[in-house]
Amino acid sequence: MNGVTIKGCQSSDSCSSPIKCCQGDLCNGVIPTGSSVLLLLVSSIIAVFL
């Protein structure tokens, strides 16, 4: 998918917010970046006004 990482796994010893832990000894999660949050906000505003 063009080099974009959606989810990653690592040892549960490294689990801390905002990474969510799941079953077993792995934790999965996505760390949101500032630019993607801003892009989502701008997209939402544009969609409301169209």
C-alpha atoms as a PDB file:
ATOM      1  CA  MET A   1       0.000   0.000   0.000  1.00  0.00           C
ATOM      2  CA  ASN A   2       2.585   2.563  -1.135  1.00  0.00           C
ATOM      3  CA  GLY A   3       4.751   2.218   1.958  1.00  0.00           C
ATOM      4  CA  VAL A   4       2.071   3.395   4.411  1.00  0.00           C
ATOM      5  CA  THR A   5       1.967   1.464   7.667  1.00  0.00           C
ATOM      6  CA  ILE A   6      -1.515   1.165   9.125  1.00  0.00           C
ATOM      7  CA  LYS A   7      -0.803  -1.190  12.018  1.00  0.00           C
ATOM      8  CA  GLY A   8       2.294  -2.541  13.633  1.00  0.00           C
ATOM      9  CA  CYS A   9       3.075  -5.158  16.242  1.00  0.00           C
ATOM     10  CA  GLN A  10       5.625  -5.054  19.000  1.00  0.00           C
ATOM     11  CA  SER A  11       6.299  -6.638  22.354  1.00  0.00           C
ATOM     12  CA  SER A  12       3.685  -5.885  25.004  1.00  0.00           C
ATOM     13  CA  ASP A  13       6.502  -4.602  27.245  1.00  0.00           C
ATOM     14  CA  SER A  14       6.546  -1.509  25.010  1.00  0.00           C
ATOM     15  CA  CYS A  15       2.788  -0.888  25.163  1.00  0.00           C
ATOM     16  CA  SER A  16       1.885   2.593  26.302  1.00  0.00           C
ATOM     17  CA  SER A  17      -0.627   5.216  25.267  1.00  0.00           C
ATOM     18  CA  PRO A  18      -1.607   5.824  22.450  1.00  0.00           C
ATOM     19  CA  ILE A  19      -0.671   2.270  21.429  1.00  0.00           C
ATOM     20  CA  LYS A  20      -3.402  -0.165  22.431  1.00  0.00           C
ATOM     21  CA  CYS A  21      -2.495  -3.630  23.653  1.00  0.00           C
ATOM     22  CA  CYS A  22      -4.341  -6.719  22.587  1.00  0.00           C
ATOM     23  CA  GLN A  23      -4.238 -10.428  23.402  1.00  0.00           C
ATOM     24  CA  GLY A  24      -1.032 -12.326  23.955  1.00  0.00           C
ATOM     25  CA  ASP A  25       2.376 -10.749  24.116  1.00  0.00           C
ATOM     26  CA  LEU A  26       1.862  -8.377  21.189  1.00  0.00           C
ATOM     27  CA  CYS A  27       0.305  -4.946  21.038  1.00  0.00           C
ATOM     28  CA  ASN A  28      -1.235  -3.352  17.987  1.00  0.00           C
ATOM     29  CA  GLY A  29      -2.124   0.214  17.378  1.00  0.00           C
ATOM     30  CA  VAL A  30      -1.774   3.275  15.268  1.00  0.00           C
ATOM     31  CA  ILE A  31      -0.097   6.428  16.480  1.00  0.00           C
ATOM     32  CA  PRO A  32      -1.899   9.383  14.915  1.00  0.00           C
ATOM     33  CA  THR A  33       0.305  12.114  13.545  1.00  0.00           C
ATOM     34  CA  GLY A  34      -0.515  15.800  13.755  1.00  0.00           C
ATOM     35  CA  SER A  35      -0.706  16.252   9.995  1.00  0.00           C
ATOM     36  CA  SER A  36      -3.180  13.397   9.505  1.00  0.00           C
ATOM     37  CA  VAL A  37      -5.408  14.732  12.290  1.00  0.00           C
ATOM     38  CA  LEU A  38      -5.301  18.182  10.687  1.00  0.00           C
ATOM     39  CA  LEU A  39      -6.094  16.705   7.270  1.00  0.00           C
ATOM     40  CA  LEU A  40      -9.081  14.845   8.722  1.00  0.00           C
ATOM     41  CA  LEU A  41     -10.348  18.029  10.367  1.00  0.00           C
ATOM     42  CA  VAL A  42     -10.030  20.074   7.166  1.00  0.00           C
ATOM     43  CA  SER A  43     -11.713  17.323   5.130  1.00  0.00           C
ATOM     44  CA  SER A  44     -14.613  17.222   7.591  1.00  0.00           C
ATOM     45  CA  ILE A  45     -15.075  20.986   7.418  1.00  0.00           C
ATOM     46  CA  ILE A  46     -15.065  20.922   3.604  1.00  0.00           C
ATOM     47  CA  ALA A  47     -17.605  18.078   3.554  1.00  0.00           C
ATOM     48  CA  VAL A  48     -19.958  20.016   5.846  1.00  0.00           C
ATOM     49  CA  PHE A  49     -19.981  23.061   3.587  1.00  0.00           C
ATOM     50  CA  LEU A  50     -20.493  21.169   0.307  1.00  0.00           C
END
